[in-house]
Amino acid sequence: MMLIQKRTISVKPGYADQVVERFSKEGALDARKGLIDITVMVNKRAREVDEVALLIRWESEEAWKAWEKSPEHIQGHRDARGKQPPEYVISTVVSMYEVKKVRVGKAARAKDRTDV
C-alpha cells in the first residue's frame, strides 16, 4: 500500500521560492529505500499568502516508518531543536494519506506504449 505525506507550508507573500529551493535540494531522504518521489508545488490561486505543498510518496507505510526511525531523520530533528522556523513561515500542516486507488490517464498510457 502506497503512503503519501502531504506537507503544506504557508508563507508570507513573495517567499514561496525560498521554500521551493530548500525542498528541491537533495538530502538524506533521497537515498531512503522505499521513497518513490518528492513533488514540490506552489498554489497559484492562493491570494493572501504563498502556499507550497510537498507530496512525498512512499512505497509503503513501513518504508516511511523506517525513515522516521532512521538515525538521519532523528539527527535532523535534534539539529533543529530550539531553532525557530524562518520568520516568513506562517504555518505548516502535515497530512498522511493511504493510497487506495491510482488511475493512469490516457497520456501516461500512450507514453508507456511509445517507450517500449
N, C-alpha and C. Protein backbone atom coordinates (compact mmCIF):
# COMPACT_ATOMS: atom_id res chain seq x y z
N MET A 1 0.83 -1.18 0.00
CA MET A 1 0.00 0.00 0.00
C MET A 1 0.88 1.25 0.00
N MET A 2 0.71 2.09 -0.99
CA MET A 2 1.46 3.33 -1.07
C MET A 2 0.97 4.30 -0.01
N LEU A 3 1.91 5.11 0.51
CA LEU A 3 1.59 6.12 1.50
C LEU A 3 2.09 7.46 0.97
N ILE A 4 1.28 8.49 1.12
CA ILE A 4 1.68 9.83 0.69
C ILE A 4 1.61 10.77 1.88
N GLN A 5 2.72 11.48 2.10
CA GLN A 5 2.74 12.52 3.11
C GLN A 5 2.60 13.84 2.36
N LYS A 6 1.66 14.66 2.79
CA LYS A 6 1.47 15.98 2.20
C LYS A 6 1.83 17.01 3.26
N ARG A 7 2.74 17.89 2.91
CA ARG A 7 3.16 18.96 3.81
C ARG A 7 2.81 20.27 3.13
N THR A 8 1.95 21.07 3.74
CA THR A 8 1.54 22.35 3.18
C THR A 8 2.13 23.46 4.03
N ILE A 9 2.93 24.30 3.41
CA ILE A 9 3.63 25.37 4.12
C ILE A 9 3.10 26.70 3.61
N SER A 10 2.50 27.48 4.49
CA SER A 10 2.02 28.82 4.15
C SER A 10 3.07 29.82 4.57
N VAL A 11 3.43 30.71 3.64
CA VAL A 11 4.46 31.72 3.91
C VAL A 11 3.96 33.09 3.48
N LYS A 12 4.64 34.11 3.98
CA LYS A 12 4.29 35.48 3.59
C LYS A 12 4.45 35.62 2.08
N PRO A 13 3.63 36.48 1.46
CA PRO A 13 3.72 36.66 0.01
C PRO A 13 5.15 37.00 -0.44
N GLY A 14 5.57 36.35 -1.52
CA GLY A 14 6.89 36.60 -2.08
C GLY A 14 7.97 35.65 -1.60
N TYR A 15 7.63 34.72 -0.70
CA TYR A 15 8.64 33.83 -0.13
C TYR A 15 8.53 32.38 -0.61
N ALA A 16 7.63 32.08 -1.51
CA ALA A 16 7.47 30.69 -1.98
C ALA A 16 8.75 30.15 -2.59
N ASP A 17 9.48 30.97 -3.33
CA ASP A 17 10.70 30.50 -3.98
C ASP A 17 11.75 30.00 -2.99
N GLN A 18 11.84 30.63 -1.81
CA GLN A 18 12.81 30.17 -0.81
C GLN A 18 12.45 28.78 -0.32
N VAL A 19 11.16 28.52 -0.13
CA VAL A 19 10.71 27.20 0.33
C VAL A 19 10.94 26.17 -0.77
N VAL A 20 10.60 26.51 -2.00
CA VAL A 20 10.81 25.61 -3.14
C VAL A 20 12.29 25.25 -3.24
N GLU A 21 13.17 26.24 -3.13
CA GLU A 21 14.61 25.99 -3.23
C GLU A 21 15.07 25.05 -2.12
N ARG A 22 14.62 25.28 -0.91
CA ARG A 22 15.03 24.44 0.22
C ARG A 22 14.65 22.98 0.01
N PHE A 23 13.43 22.74 -0.44
CA PHE A 23 12.94 21.38 -0.58
C PHE A 23 13.27 20.76 -1.94
N SER A 24 13.93 21.50 -2.82
CA SER A 24 14.35 20.95 -4.11
C SER A 24 15.75 20.36 -4.05
N LYS A 25 16.47 20.63 -2.98
CA LYS A 25 17.84 20.12 -2.83
C LYS A 25 17.81 18.67 -2.34
N GLU A 26 18.78 17.89 -2.82
CA GLU A 26 18.88 16.51 -2.35
C GLU A 26 19.36 16.48 -0.92
N GLY A 27 18.90 15.46 -0.19
CA GLY A 27 19.31 15.29 1.20
C GLY A 27 19.26 13.82 1.56
N ALA A 28 19.35 13.55 2.85
CA ALA A 28 19.37 12.17 3.34
C ALA A 28 18.12 11.40 2.93
N LEU A 29 17.00 12.08 2.85
CA LEU A 29 15.74 11.43 2.49
C LEU A 29 15.81 10.78 1.11
N ASP A 30 16.51 11.43 0.19
CA ASP A 30 16.56 10.94 -1.19
C ASP A 30 17.16 9.55 -1.34
N ALA A 31 18.01 9.15 -0.42
CA ALA A 31 18.66 7.85 -0.50
C ALA A 31 17.87 6.74 0.18
N ARG A 32 16.73 7.07 0.77
CA ARG A 32 15.98 6.09 1.55
C ARG A 32 15.30 5.06 0.66
N LYS A 33 15.43 3.81 1.06
CA LYS A 33 14.74 2.72 0.39
C LYS A 33 13.23 2.92 0.59
N GLY A 34 12.50 2.76 -0.48
CA GLY A 34 11.04 2.89 -0.40
C GLY A 34 10.51 4.26 -0.76
N LEU A 35 11.40 5.25 -0.91
CA LEU A 35 10.96 6.58 -1.33
C LEU A 35 10.71 6.53 -2.84
N ILE A 36 9.52 6.89 -3.27
CA ILE A 36 9.20 6.92 -4.70
C ILE A 36 9.63 8.25 -5.29
N ASP A 37 9.11 9.35 -4.73
CA ASP A 37 9.49 10.67 -5.23
C ASP A 37 8.99 11.75 -4.29
N ILE A 38 9.50 12.96 -4.55
CA ILE A 38 9.08 14.15 -3.81
C ILE A 38 8.66 15.17 -4.85
N THR A 39 7.46 15.68 -4.73
CA THR A 39 6.94 16.69 -5.64
C THR A 39 6.78 17.99 -4.85
N VAL A 40 7.35 19.08 -5.38
CA VAL A 40 7.25 20.39 -4.74
C VAL A 40 6.37 21.25 -5.63
N MET A 41 5.30 21.80 -5.04
CA MET A 41 4.31 22.55 -5.83
C MET A 41 4.01 23.90 -5.17
N VAL A 42 3.61 24.88 -5.98
CA VAL A 42 3.18 26.18 -5.48
C VAL A 42 1.74 26.38 -5.91
N ASN A 43 0.89 26.75 -4.94
CA ASN A 43 -0.51 27.02 -5.22
C ASN A 43 -0.61 28.37 -5.93
N LYS A 44 -1.01 28.36 -7.18
CA LYS A 44 -1.10 29.58 -7.97
C LYS A 44 -2.36 30.39 -7.66
N ARG A 45 -3.29 29.83 -6.90
CA ARG A 45 -4.53 30.53 -6.61
C ARG A 45 -4.56 31.16 -5.22
N ALA A 46 -3.55 30.89 -4.42
CA ALA A 46 -3.50 31.49 -3.08
C ALA A 46 -3.35 33.00 -3.23
N ARG A 47 -4.05 33.75 -2.41
CA ARG A 47 -4.04 35.21 -2.55
C ARG A 47 -3.30 35.91 -1.39
N GLU A 48 -3.74 35.66 -0.17
CA GLU A 48 -3.20 36.38 0.98
C GLU A 48 -1.83 35.87 1.41
N VAL A 49 -1.53 34.62 1.08
CA VAL A 49 -0.26 34.00 1.44
C VAL A 49 0.25 33.21 0.24
N ASP A 50 1.53 32.88 0.26
CA ASP A 50 2.06 31.92 -0.71
C ASP A 50 1.95 30.54 -0.07
N GLU A 51 1.58 29.55 -0.84
CA GLU A 51 1.41 28.21 -0.31
C GLU A 51 2.24 27.23 -1.13
N VAL A 52 3.11 26.51 -0.43
CA VAL A 52 3.95 25.49 -1.06
C VAL A 52 3.51 24.15 -0.50
N ALA A 53 3.27 23.20 -1.38
CA ALA A 53 2.88 21.86 -0.95
C ALA A 53 3.92 20.86 -1.41
N LEU A 54 4.24 19.93 -0.53
CA LEU A 54 5.15 18.84 -0.85
C LEU A 54 4.36 17.55 -0.81
N LEU A 55 4.52 16.72 -1.81
CA LEU A 55 3.96 15.37 -1.78
C LEU A 55 5.15 14.43 -1.74
N ILE A 56 5.23 13.64 -0.69
CA ILE A 56 6.31 12.68 -0.54
C ILE A 56 5.67 11.31 -0.63
N ARG A 57 5.98 10.60 -1.72
CA ARG A 57 5.35 9.29 -1.95
C ARG A 57 6.29 8.17 -1.53
N TRP A 58 5.73 7.27 -0.73
CA TRP A 58 6.45 6.10 -0.22
C TRP A 58 5.81 4.83 -0.76
N GLU A 59 6.64 3.81 -1.01
CA GLU A 59 6.12 2.52 -1.47
C GLU A 59 5.17 1.90 -0.44
N SER A 60 5.42 2.17 0.84
CA SER A 60 4.60 1.56 1.89
C SER A 60 4.71 2.37 3.17
N GLU A 61 3.81 2.11 4.07
CA GLU A 61 3.87 2.74 5.39
C GLU A 61 5.12 2.29 6.14
N GLU A 62 5.52 1.04 5.93
CA GLU A 62 6.72 0.52 6.58
C GLU A 62 7.97 1.29 6.13
N ALA A 63 8.04 1.64 4.84
CA ALA A 63 9.19 2.41 4.34
C ALA A 63 9.22 3.79 5.01
N TRP A 64 8.07 4.42 5.14
CA TRP A 64 8.00 5.72 5.80
C TRP A 64 8.40 5.60 7.28
N LYS A 65 7.90 4.57 7.96
CA LYS A 65 8.24 4.38 9.37
C LYS A 65 9.74 4.14 9.54
N ALA A 66 10.35 3.41 8.60
CA ALA A 66 11.79 3.18 8.66
C ALA A 66 12.55 4.50 8.57
N TRP A 67 12.07 5.41 7.72
CA TRP A 67 12.68 6.75 7.63
C TRP A 67 12.51 7.49 8.95
N GLU A 68 11.32 7.48 9.49
CA GLU A 68 11.05 8.19 10.75
C GLU A 68 11.96 7.72 11.88
N LYS A 69 12.31 6.44 11.88
CA LYS A 69 13.15 5.87 12.94
C LYS A 69 14.64 5.89 12.60
N SER A 70 14.99 6.36 11.41
CA SER A 70 16.38 6.31 10.97
C SER A 70 17.24 7.31 11.74
N PRO A 71 18.54 7.00 11.90
CA PRO A 71 19.45 7.93 12.57
C PRO A 71 19.51 9.30 11.89
N GLU A 72 19.43 9.33 10.54
CA GLU A 72 19.49 10.60 9.81
C GLU A 72 18.29 11.49 10.14
N HIS A 73 17.11 10.89 10.19
CA HIS A 73 15.90 11.65 10.49
C HIS A 73 15.93 12.16 11.93
N ILE A 74 16.29 11.29 12.84
CA ILE A 74 16.35 11.67 14.26
C ILE A 74 17.38 12.77 14.47
N GLN A 75 18.55 12.66 13.82
CA GLN A 75 19.59 13.69 13.95
C GLN A 75 19.11 15.02 13.39
N GLY A 76 18.37 14.99 12.29
CA GLY A 76 17.82 16.21 11.72
C GLY A 76 16.93 16.94 12.70
N HIS A 77 16.12 16.19 13.44
CA HIS A 77 15.26 16.81 14.44
C HIS A 77 16.08 17.33 15.61
N ARG A 78 17.12 16.61 16.00
CA ARG A 78 18.00 17.09 17.08
C ARG A 78 18.66 18.40 16.67
N ASP A 79 19.14 18.47 15.43
CA ASP A 79 19.80 19.67 14.94
C ASP A 79 18.85 20.87 14.90
N ALA A 80 17.57 20.61 14.65
CA ALA A 80 16.59 21.69 14.54
C ALA A 80 16.00 22.10 15.89
N ARG A 81 16.24 21.29 16.92
CA ARG A 81 15.67 21.56 18.24
C ARG A 81 16.09 22.95 18.72
N GLY A 82 15.12 23.73 19.14
CA GLY A 82 15.40 25.06 19.66
C GLY A 82 15.49 26.14 18.60
N LYS A 83 15.56 25.74 17.34
CA LYS A 83 15.63 26.73 16.26
C LYS A 83 14.21 27.12 15.84
N GLN A 84 14.02 28.37 15.58
CA GLN A 84 12.74 28.86 15.09
C GLN A 84 12.70 28.73 13.56
N PRO A 85 11.53 28.46 13.00
CA PRO A 85 11.44 28.46 11.53
C PRO A 85 11.71 29.88 11.02
N PRO A 86 12.03 30.02 9.74
CA PRO A 86 12.23 31.37 9.19
C PRO A 86 11.02 32.25 9.48
N GLU A 87 11.25 33.53 9.66
CA GLU A 87 10.18 34.45 10.05
C GLU A 87 9.06 34.56 9.01
N TYR A 88 9.33 34.18 7.78
CA TYR A 88 8.30 34.27 6.74
C TYR A 88 7.35 33.07 6.74
N VAL A 89 7.64 32.01 7.51
CA VAL A 89 6.75 30.85 7.57
C VAL A 89 5.59 31.16 8.51
N ILE A 90 4.38 31.04 8.00
CA ILE A 90 3.18 31.31 8.79
C ILE A 90 2.70 30.03 9.46
N SER A 91 2.63 28.93 8.69
CA SER A 91 2.16 27.67 9.26
C SER A 91 2.60 26.50 8.39
N THR A 92 2.60 25.33 9.02
CA THR A 92 2.89 24.08 8.31
C THR A 92 1.86 23.05 8.76
N VAL A 93 1.24 22.39 7.80
CA VAL A 93 0.26 21.34 8.10
C VAL A 93 0.74 20.06 7.42
N VAL A 94 0.79 18.97 8.18
CA VAL A 94 1.23 17.69 7.64
C VAL A 94 0.06 16.72 7.69
N SER A 95 -0.19 16.05 6.55
CA SER A 95 -1.25 15.05 6.46
C SER A 95 -0.66 13.78 5.88
N MET A 96 -1.23 12.64 6.25
CA MET A 96 -0.79 11.34 5.73
C MET A 96 -1.98 10.68 5.03
N TYR A 97 -1.72 10.13 3.84
CA TYR A 97 -2.77 9.50 3.05
C TYR A 97 -2.37 8.09 2.67
N GLU A 98 -3.26 7.17 2.88
CA GLU A 98 -3.11 5.80 2.39
C GLU A 98 -3.74 5.76 1.01
N VAL A 99 -2.97 5.38 0.01
CA VAL A 99 -3.47 5.36 -1.36
C VAL A 99 -4.33 4.11 -1.55
N LYS A 100 -5.56 4.33 -1.97
CA LYS A 100 -6.50 3.23 -2.19
C LYS A 100 -6.61 2.84 -3.65
N LYS A 101 -6.39 3.82 -4.54
CA LYS A 101 -6.55 3.54 -5.97
C LYS A 101 -5.77 4.57 -6.76
N VAL A 102 -5.08 4.13 -7.81
CA VAL A 102 -4.41 5.02 -8.74
C VAL A 102 -4.94 4.70 -10.13
N ARG A 103 -5.45 5.70 -10.81
CA ARG A 103 -5.91 5.52 -12.18
C ARG A 103 -4.96 6.25 -13.10
N VAL A 104 -4.45 5.57 -14.08
CA VAL A 104 -3.49 6.14 -15.02
C VAL A 104 -4.26 6.78 -16.18
N GLY A 105 -3.90 8.03 -16.50
CA GLY A 105 -4.57 8.75 -17.57
C GLY A 105 -4.10 8.31 -18.95
N LYS A 106 -4.86 8.72 -19.96
CA LYS A 106 -4.57 8.33 -21.35
C LYS A 106 -3.18 8.78 -21.79
N ALA A 107 -2.77 9.97 -21.40
CA ALA A 107 -1.47 10.48 -21.83
C ALA A 107 -0.34 9.59 -21.30
N ALA A 108 -0.44 9.16 -20.05
CA ALA A 108 0.60 8.30 -19.46
C ALA A 108 0.58 6.92 -20.12
N ARG A 109 -0.61 6.41 -20.42
CA ARG A 109 -0.68 5.09 -21.08
C ARG A 109 -0.09 5.17 -22.47
N ALA A 110 -0.36 6.26 -23.20
CA ALA A 110 0.18 6.42 -24.55
C ALA A 110 1.70 6.55 -24.49
N LYS A 111 2.22 7.25 -23.50
CA LYS A 111 3.68 7.39 -23.34
C LYS A 111 4.31 6.04 -23.07
N ASP A 112 3.69 5.22 -22.21
CA ASP A 112 4.22 3.90 -21.91
C ASP A 112 4.34 3.04 -23.17
N ARG A 113 3.37 3.16 -24.07
CA ARG A 113 3.39 2.37 -25.31
C ARG A 113 4.52 2.83 -26.23
N THR A 114 4.84 4.12 -26.20
CA THR A 114 5.88 4.63 -27.09
C THR A 114 7.28 4.40 -26.50
N ASP A 115 7.37 4.13 -25.21
CA ASP A 115 8.66 3.89 -24.57
C ASP A 115 9.16 2.46 -24.77
N VAL A 116 8.33 1.60 -25.31
CA VAL A 116 8.70 0.19 -25.45
C VAL A 116 9.74 -0.02 -26.49
